[in-house]
């Protein structure tokens, strides 16, 4: 009997991160350069302090004074959904769906080791469906 995989098998390891004191422009540059929408925020000691998303930045850009004077810590979300490396994937997916979460931070002993986003979930589900079709011998109707 197969086991449900843990989050470590599908997460994006070693994600990019940004310092809480960095300018918003720096976070946006990292996101654009690497085509990502979620960026963990870590202290210089490597401790996770929050998450910033391109959506957070977009919402702040509508302010009359813009985001130029703001730092990452001014708009980051401090309370992130964080799971341990060994957390079962079904549990993570259920919580993401139930709470409309777009990303999950993966840690080991409190340190950032990965990220799992809704984009990752869609990609993994597509692979799962393809594998099911291959095992069944095709996608013909009964």
N, C-alpha and C. Protein backbone atom coordinates (compact mmCIF):
# COMPACT_ATOMS: atom_id res chain seq x y z
N UNK A 1 0.84 -1.18 0.00
CA UNK A 1 0.00 0.00 0.00
C UNK A 1 0.89 1.25 0.00
N UNK A 2 0.55 2.21 -0.84
CA UNK A 2 1.33 3.44 -0.93
C UNK A 2 1.02 4.36 0.23
N UNK A 3 2.00 5.19 0.57
CA UNK A 3 1.84 6.17 1.64
C UNK A 3 1.64 7.55 1.03
N UNK A 4 0.92 8.38 1.75
CA UNK A 4 0.75 9.77 1.32
C UNK A 4 2.10 10.47 1.53
N UNK A 5 2.58 11.16 0.51
CA UNK A 5 3.90 11.80 0.63
C UNK A 5 3.88 12.99 1.60
N UNK A 6 5.05 13.33 2.07
CA UNK A 6 5.19 14.51 2.93
C UNK A 6 5.41 15.74 2.05
N UNK A 7 5.28 16.88 2.65
CA UNK A 7 5.44 18.15 1.93
C UNK A 7 6.85 18.28 1.34
N UNK A 8 7.83 17.65 1.97
CA UNK A 8 9.22 17.78 1.48
C UNK A 8 9.41 17.21 0.08
N UNK A 9 8.52 16.32 -0.34
CA UNK A 9 8.67 15.71 -1.66
C UNK A 9 8.16 16.61 -2.79
N UNK A 10 7.41 17.64 -2.45
CA UNK A 10 6.80 18.49 -3.48
C UNK A 10 7.09 19.98 -3.32
N UNK A 11 7.69 20.36 -2.21
CA UNK A 11 7.97 21.79 -1.97
C UNK A 11 9.08 22.29 -2.88
N UNK A 12 9.18 23.59 -2.97
CA UNK A 12 10.33 24.21 -3.63
C UNK A 12 11.38 24.42 -2.55
N UNK A 13 12.50 23.69 -2.64
CA UNK A 13 13.53 23.83 -1.59
C UNK A 13 14.37 25.09 -1.77
N UNK A 14 14.97 25.51 -0.68
CA UNK A 14 15.88 26.65 -0.68
C UNK A 14 15.27 27.88 -1.35
N UNK A 15 14.11 28.33 -0.89
CA UNK A 15 13.47 29.47 -1.55
C UNK A 15 14.24 30.77 -1.33
N UNK A 16 14.03 31.68 -2.24
CA UNK A 16 14.58 33.01 -2.07
C UNK A 16 13.89 33.64 -0.87
N UNK A 17 14.57 34.55 -0.21
CA UNK A 17 13.96 35.26 0.91
C UNK A 17 14.48 36.69 0.91
N UNK A 18 13.87 37.50 1.76
CA UNK A 18 14.24 38.90 1.84
C UNK A 18 14.30 39.32 3.30
N UNK A 19 15.13 40.28 3.60
CA UNK A 19 15.29 40.81 4.95
C UNK A 19 14.12 41.74 5.29
N UNK A 20 13.64 41.74 6.53
CA UNK A 20 12.52 42.61 6.89
C UNK A 20 12.82 44.10 6.72
N UNK A 21 14.09 44.49 6.81
CA UNK A 21 14.45 45.90 6.67
C UNK A 21 14.69 46.33 5.22
N UNK A 22 14.56 45.40 4.29
CA UNK A 22 14.76 45.72 2.87
C UNK A 22 13.63 46.62 2.37
N UNK A 23 13.95 47.39 1.37
CA UNK A 23 12.93 48.23 0.72
C UNK A 23 11.97 47.34 -0.06
N UNK A 24 10.74 47.80 -0.19
CA UNK A 24 9.73 47.06 -0.94
C UNK A 24 10.22 46.82 -2.38
N UNK A 25 10.91 47.78 -2.93
CA UNK A 25 11.44 47.66 -4.30
C UNK A 25 12.38 46.46 -4.41
N UNK A 26 13.15 46.18 -3.37
CA UNK A 26 14.07 45.03 -3.37
C UNK A 26 13.27 43.73 -3.44
N UNK A 27 12.22 43.62 -2.64
CA UNK A 27 11.38 42.42 -2.65
C UNK A 27 10.74 42.24 -4.03
N UNK A 28 10.25 43.32 -4.58
CA UNK A 28 9.62 43.26 -5.90
C UNK A 28 10.61 42.86 -6.98
N UNK A 29 11.84 43.35 -6.89
CA UNK A 29 12.89 42.97 -7.84
C UNK A 29 13.18 41.48 -7.78
N UNK A 30 13.26 40.93 -6.57
CA UNK A 30 13.52 39.49 -6.41
C UNK A 30 12.37 38.69 -7.02
N UNK A 31 11.14 39.11 -6.75
CA UNK A 31 9.98 38.40 -7.28
C UNK A 31 9.95 38.43 -8.80
N UNK A 32 10.23 39.58 -9.36
CA UNK A 32 10.22 39.70 -10.83
C UNK A 32 11.35 38.90 -11.47
N UNK A 33 12.53 39.00 -10.89
CA UNK A 33 13.70 38.31 -11.44
C UNK A 33 13.50 36.79 -11.48
N UNK A 34 12.83 36.25 -10.47
CA UNK A 34 12.68 34.80 -10.35
C UNK A 34 11.27 34.31 -10.65
N UNK A 35 10.42 35.22 -11.14
CA UNK A 35 9.04 34.89 -11.52
C UNK A 35 8.29 34.18 -10.40
N UNK A 36 8.33 34.78 -9.20
CA UNK A 36 7.64 34.22 -8.04
C UNK A 36 6.69 35.28 -7.47
N UNK A 37 5.73 34.80 -6.67
CA UNK A 37 4.73 35.71 -6.10
C UNK A 37 4.75 35.75 -4.58
N UNK A 38 5.49 34.84 -3.95
CA UNK A 38 5.57 34.76 -2.50
C UNK A 38 7.03 34.73 -2.09
N UNK A 39 7.35 35.53 -1.08
CA UNK A 39 8.74 35.65 -0.66
C UNK A 39 8.81 35.59 0.86
N UNK A 40 9.40 34.52 1.40
CA UNK A 40 9.57 34.48 2.85
C UNK A 40 10.46 35.63 3.32
N UNK A 41 10.18 36.10 4.51
CA UNK A 41 10.97 37.18 5.11
C UNK A 41 11.76 36.56 6.25
N UNK A 42 13.08 36.69 6.18
CA UNK A 42 13.94 36.10 7.20
C UNK A 42 14.91 37.15 7.75
N UNK A 43 15.21 37.00 9.04
CA UNK A 43 16.18 37.89 9.68
C UNK A 43 17.57 37.49 9.21
N UNK A 44 18.55 38.31 9.55
CA UNK A 44 19.92 38.00 9.16
C UNK A 44 20.43 36.72 9.81
N UNK A 45 19.80 36.32 10.93
CA UNK A 45 20.15 35.07 11.60
C UNK A 45 19.48 33.87 10.93
N UNK A 46 18.61 34.13 9.96
CA UNK A 46 17.93 33.05 9.25
C UNK A 46 16.58 32.68 9.83
N UNK A 47 16.12 33.41 10.83
CA UNK A 47 14.82 33.12 11.44
C UNK A 47 13.70 33.66 10.57
N UNK A 48 12.66 32.87 10.40
CA UNK A 48 11.49 33.28 9.63
C UNK A 48 10.73 34.34 10.42
N UNK A 49 10.45 35.47 9.78
CA UNK A 49 9.70 36.54 10.46
C UNK A 49 8.37 36.83 9.78
N UNK A 50 8.17 36.31 8.57
CA UNK A 50 6.91 36.55 7.88
C UNK A 50 6.97 36.18 6.42
N UNK A 51 6.00 36.73 5.69
CA UNK A 51 5.89 36.45 4.25
C UNK A 51 5.38 37.73 3.59
N UNK A 52 5.88 37.99 2.41
CA UNK A 52 5.37 39.10 1.61
C UNK A 52 5.00 38.54 0.24
N UNK A 53 3.90 39.01 -0.30
CA UNK A 53 3.47 38.52 -1.60
C UNK A 53 3.37 39.69 -2.58
N UNK A 54 3.36 39.35 -3.85
CA UNK A 54 3.19 40.39 -4.86
C UNK A 54 1.83 41.06 -4.69
N UNK A 55 0.86 40.32 -4.20
CA UNK A 55 -0.47 40.88 -3.94
C UNK A 55 -0.41 41.92 -2.82
N UNK A 56 0.35 41.64 -1.77
CA UNK A 56 0.52 42.61 -0.68
C UNK A 56 1.08 43.92 -1.24
N UNK A 57 2.08 43.79 -2.08
CA UNK A 57 2.72 44.98 -2.65
C UNK A 57 1.76 45.71 -3.57
N UNK A 58 1.05 44.97 -4.39
CA UNK A 58 0.08 45.58 -5.32
C UNK A 58 -0.98 46.38 -4.56
N UNK A 59 -1.48 45.83 -3.48
CA UNK A 59 -2.49 46.54 -2.68
C UNK A 59 -1.93 47.84 -2.09
N UNK A 60 -0.67 47.82 -1.71
CA UNK A 60 -0.05 49.01 -1.12
C UNK A 60 0.30 50.07 -2.18
N UNK A 61 0.46 49.66 -3.42
CA UNK A 61 0.82 50.62 -4.46
C UNK A 61 -0.32 51.60 -4.75
N UNK A 62 -1.51 51.28 -4.30
CA UNK A 62 -2.65 52.17 -4.50
C UNK A 62 -2.68 53.31 -3.49
N UNK A 63 -1.77 53.28 -2.52
CA UNK A 63 -1.69 54.34 -1.52
C UNK A 63 -1.23 55.64 -2.20
N UNK A 64 -1.71 56.78 -1.73
CA UNK A 64 -1.28 58.06 -2.32
C UNK A 64 0.23 58.27 -2.26
N UNK A 65 0.87 57.80 -1.19
CA UNK A 65 2.32 57.99 -1.07
C UNK A 65 3.12 56.81 -1.63
N UNK A 66 2.42 55.82 -2.21
CA UNK A 66 3.09 54.68 -2.82
C UNK A 66 3.79 53.81 -1.82
N UNK A 67 4.74 53.02 -2.28
CA UNK A 67 5.47 52.11 -1.40
C UNK A 67 6.95 52.45 -1.28
N UNK A 68 7.35 53.53 -1.91
CA UNK A 68 8.77 53.88 -1.95
C UNK A 68 9.40 54.03 -0.57
N UNK A 69 8.67 54.57 0.38
CA UNK A 69 9.23 54.83 1.70
C UNK A 69 9.06 53.63 2.65
N UNK A 70 8.41 52.59 2.19
CA UNK A 70 8.12 51.46 3.06
C UNK A 70 9.18 50.38 2.99
N UNK A 71 9.29 49.65 4.08
CA UNK A 71 10.17 48.48 4.14
C UNK A 71 9.30 47.23 4.14
N UNK A 72 9.93 46.11 3.87
CA UNK A 72 9.22 44.83 3.83
C UNK A 72 8.45 44.61 5.12
N UNK A 73 9.06 44.89 6.26
CA UNK A 73 8.41 44.66 7.56
C UNK A 73 7.14 45.47 7.74
N UNK A 74 6.98 46.55 6.97
CA UNK A 74 5.79 47.39 7.09
C UNK A 74 4.54 46.76 6.50
N UNK A 75 4.71 45.85 5.55
CA UNK A 75 3.53 45.26 4.90
C UNK A 75 3.51 43.73 4.89
N UNK A 76 4.56 43.11 5.41
CA UNK A 76 4.60 41.64 5.40
C UNK A 76 3.53 41.07 6.32
N UNK A 77 3.16 39.84 6.06
CA UNK A 77 2.26 39.10 6.94
C UNK A 77 3.12 38.35 7.94
N UNK A 78 2.93 38.63 9.21
CA UNK A 78 3.76 37.99 10.23
C UNK A 78 3.29 36.57 10.54
N UNK A 79 1.99 36.35 10.48
CA UNK A 79 1.45 35.03 10.79
C UNK A 79 1.28 34.24 9.51
N UNK A 80 2.21 33.35 9.27
CA UNK A 80 2.18 32.54 8.06
C UNK A 80 1.80 31.11 8.42
N UNK A 81 1.26 30.39 7.46
CA UNK A 81 1.00 28.98 7.67
C UNK A 81 2.33 28.27 7.49
N UNK A 82 2.83 27.75 8.58
CA UNK A 82 4.14 27.12 8.60
C UNK A 82 3.99 25.66 8.99
N UNK A 83 4.64 24.78 8.24
CA UNK A 83 4.60 23.35 8.54
C UNK A 83 6.01 22.79 8.60
N UNK A 84 6.13 21.69 9.31
CA UNK A 84 7.40 20.99 9.37
C UNK A 84 7.61 20.18 8.09
N UNK A 85 8.83 19.94 7.80
CA UNK A 85 9.25 19.19 6.61
C UNK A 85 8.56 17.83 6.48
N UNK A 86 8.18 17.24 7.59
CA UNK A 86 7.59 15.90 7.56
C UNK A 86 6.06 15.91 7.49
N UNK A 87 5.44 17.07 7.45
CA UNK A 87 3.97 17.16 7.40
C UNK A 87 3.42 16.45 6.16
N UNK A 88 2.34 15.72 6.33
CA UNK A 88 1.74 15.00 5.20
C UNK A 88 1.11 15.97 4.21
N UNK A 89 1.30 15.69 2.94
CA UNK A 89 0.81 16.55 1.87
C UNK A 89 -0.71 16.73 1.91
N UNK A 90 -1.45 15.66 2.18
CA UNK A 90 -2.91 15.79 2.20
C UNK A 90 -3.37 16.76 3.28
N UNK A 91 -2.70 16.75 4.41
CA UNK A 91 -3.04 17.67 5.50
C UNK A 91 -2.79 19.12 5.09
N UNK A 92 -1.66 19.35 4.45
CA UNK A 92 -1.31 20.70 3.98
C UNK A 92 -2.31 21.19 2.94
N UNK A 93 -2.62 20.34 1.96
CA UNK A 93 -3.56 20.72 0.91
C UNK A 93 -4.94 21.00 1.47
N UNK A 94 -5.37 20.19 2.42
CA UNK A 94 -6.69 20.40 3.03
C UNK A 94 -6.75 21.76 3.73
N UNK A 95 -5.72 22.07 4.49
CA UNK A 95 -5.70 23.36 5.21
C UNK A 95 -5.63 24.52 4.23
N UNK A 96 -4.84 24.38 3.18
CA UNK A 96 -4.76 25.45 2.17
C UNK A 96 -6.14 25.71 1.56
N UNK A 97 -6.83 24.65 1.20
CA UNK A 97 -8.15 24.80 0.59
C UNK A 97 -9.16 25.36 1.58
N UNK A 98 -9.15 24.83 2.78
CA UNK A 98 -10.11 25.23 3.81
C UNK A 98 -9.98 26.71 4.19
N UNK A 99 -8.76 27.21 4.22
CA UNK A 99 -8.51 28.59 4.65
C UNK A 99 -8.12 29.53 3.51
N UNK A 100 -8.24 29.05 2.27
CA UNK A 100 -7.93 29.86 1.07
C UNK A 100 -6.51 30.42 1.13
N UNK A 101 -5.56 29.57 1.47
CA UNK A 101 -4.17 29.98 1.58
C UNK A 101 -3.46 29.80 0.25
N UNK A 102 -2.63 30.76 -0.08
CA UNK A 102 -1.91 30.71 -1.35
C UNK A 102 -0.52 30.13 -1.22
N UNK A 103 -0.02 30.06 0.03
CA UNK A 103 1.34 29.55 0.21
C UNK A 103 1.52 28.95 1.60
N UNK A 104 2.54 28.10 1.70
CA UNK A 104 2.91 27.44 2.94
C UNK A 104 4.41 27.57 3.08
N UNK A 105 4.85 27.93 4.27
CA UNK A 105 6.28 27.98 4.55
C UNK A 105 6.66 26.65 5.20
N UNK A 106 7.73 26.05 4.71
CA UNK A 106 8.18 24.77 5.24
C UNK A 106 9.46 25.01 6.03
N UNK A 107 9.48 24.47 7.26
CA UNK A 107 10.64 24.67 8.13
C UNK A 107 11.15 23.34 8.67
N UNK A 108 12.37 23.39 9.13
CA UNK A 108 12.98 22.27 9.84
C UNK A 108 13.70 22.86 11.04
N UNK A 109 13.27 22.45 12.20
CA UNK A 109 13.83 22.99 13.45
C UNK A 109 13.73 24.51 13.48
N UNK A 110 12.62 25.03 12.96
CA UNK A 110 12.37 26.46 12.99
C UNK A 110 13.04 27.28 11.90
N UNK A 111 13.81 26.65 11.05
CA UNK A 111 14.52 27.37 9.98
C UNK A 111 13.84 27.10 8.64
N UNK A 112 13.81 28.11 7.80
CA UNK A 112 13.22 28.02 6.48
C UNK A 112 13.96 27.01 5.61
N UNK A 113 13.21 26.04 5.05
CA UNK A 113 13.83 25.07 4.14
C UNK A 113 13.09 24.96 2.82
N UNK A 114 11.86 25.50 2.77
CA UNK A 114 11.11 25.39 1.53
C UNK A 114 9.85 26.22 1.54
N UNK A 115 9.20 26.23 0.39
CA UNK A 115 7.92 26.92 0.23
C UNK A 115 7.06 26.06 -0.69
N UNK A 116 5.77 26.08 -0.46
CA UNK A 116 4.83 25.35 -1.28
C UNK A 116 3.67 26.29 -1.57
N UNK A 117 3.40 26.53 -2.84
CA UNK A 117 2.37 27.49 -3.22
C UNK A 117 1.24 26.80 -3.98
N UNK A 118 0.20 27.56 -4.23
CA UNK A 118 -0.91 27.01 -5.01
C UNK A 118 -0.46 26.63 -6.42
N UNK A 119 0.52 27.30 -6.95
CA UNK A 119 1.08 26.95 -8.26
C UNK A 119 1.75 25.57 -8.18
N UNK A 120 2.51 25.34 -7.11
CA UNK A 120 3.13 24.03 -6.90
C UNK A 120 2.06 22.95 -6.79
N UNK A 121 0.97 23.25 -6.06
CA UNK A 121 -0.11 22.28 -5.88
C UNK A 121 -0.75 21.92 -7.22
N UNK A 122 -0.98 22.90 -8.05
CA UNK A 122 -1.58 22.64 -9.37
C UNK A 122 -0.65 21.78 -10.22
N UNK A 123 0.63 22.08 -10.20
CA UNK A 123 1.61 21.30 -10.97
C UNK A 123 1.66 19.86 -10.49
N UNK A 124 1.65 19.67 -9.19
CA UNK A 124 1.69 18.31 -8.64
C UNK A 124 0.41 17.55 -8.97
N UNK A 125 -0.72 18.22 -8.93
CA UNK A 125 -1.98 17.56 -9.25
C UNK A 125 -2.01 17.14 -10.72
N UNK A 126 -1.50 18.00 -11.59
CA UNK A 126 -1.42 17.65 -13.01
C UNK A 126 -0.56 16.41 -13.22
N UNK A 127 0.57 16.33 -12.53
CA UNK A 127 1.44 15.15 -12.62
C UNK A 127 0.73 13.91 -12.10
N UNK A 128 0.00 14.06 -11.01
CA UNK A 128 -0.75 12.94 -10.44
C UNK A 128 -1.77 12.41 -11.45
N UNK A 129 -2.50 13.31 -12.10
CA UNK A 129 -3.50 12.90 -13.09
C UNK A 129 -2.86 12.19 -14.27
N UNK A 130 -1.73 12.71 -14.75
CA UNK A 130 -1.03 12.06 -15.86
C UNK A 130 -0.59 10.65 -15.47
N UNK A 131 -0.10 10.50 -14.24
CA UNK A 131 0.34 9.18 -13.78
C UNK A 131 -0.85 8.21 -13.70
N UNK A 132 -1.99 8.71 -13.29
CA UNK A 132 -3.18 7.85 -13.22
C UNK A 132 -3.59 7.36 -14.60
N UNK A 133 -3.52 8.25 -15.58
CA UNK A 133 -3.88 7.88 -16.95
C UNK A 133 -2.89 6.85 -17.50
N UNK A 134 -1.59 7.06 -17.24
CA UNK A 134 -0.58 6.10 -17.70
C UNK A 134 -0.80 4.72 -17.09
N UNK A 135 -1.14 4.69 -15.80
CA UNK A 135 -1.36 3.40 -15.11
C UNK A 135 -2.59 2.68 -15.64
N UNK A 136 -3.60 3.46 -16.04
CA UNK A 136 -4.85 2.84 -16.51
C UNK A 136 -4.77 2.44 -17.97
N UNK A 137 -3.73 2.88 -18.65
CA UNK A 137 -3.56 2.50 -20.05
C UNK A 137 -4.21 3.46 -21.03
N UNK A 138 -4.58 4.63 -20.58
CA UNK A 138 -5.16 5.62 -21.50
C UNK A 138 -6.31 6.36 -20.88
N UNK A 139 -6.90 7.23 -21.66
CA UNK A 139 -8.01 8.03 -21.14
C UNK A 139 -9.29 7.81 -21.94
N UNK A 140 -9.49 6.59 -22.39
CA UNK A 140 -10.71 6.28 -23.16
C UNK A 140 -11.88 6.10 -22.22
N UNK A 141 -13.05 6.44 -22.69
CA UNK A 141 -14.27 6.31 -21.88
C UNK A 141 -14.70 4.85 -21.84
N UNK A 142 -15.36 4.52 -20.76
CA UNK A 142 -15.85 3.15 -20.58
C UNK A 142 -17.08 2.88 -21.42
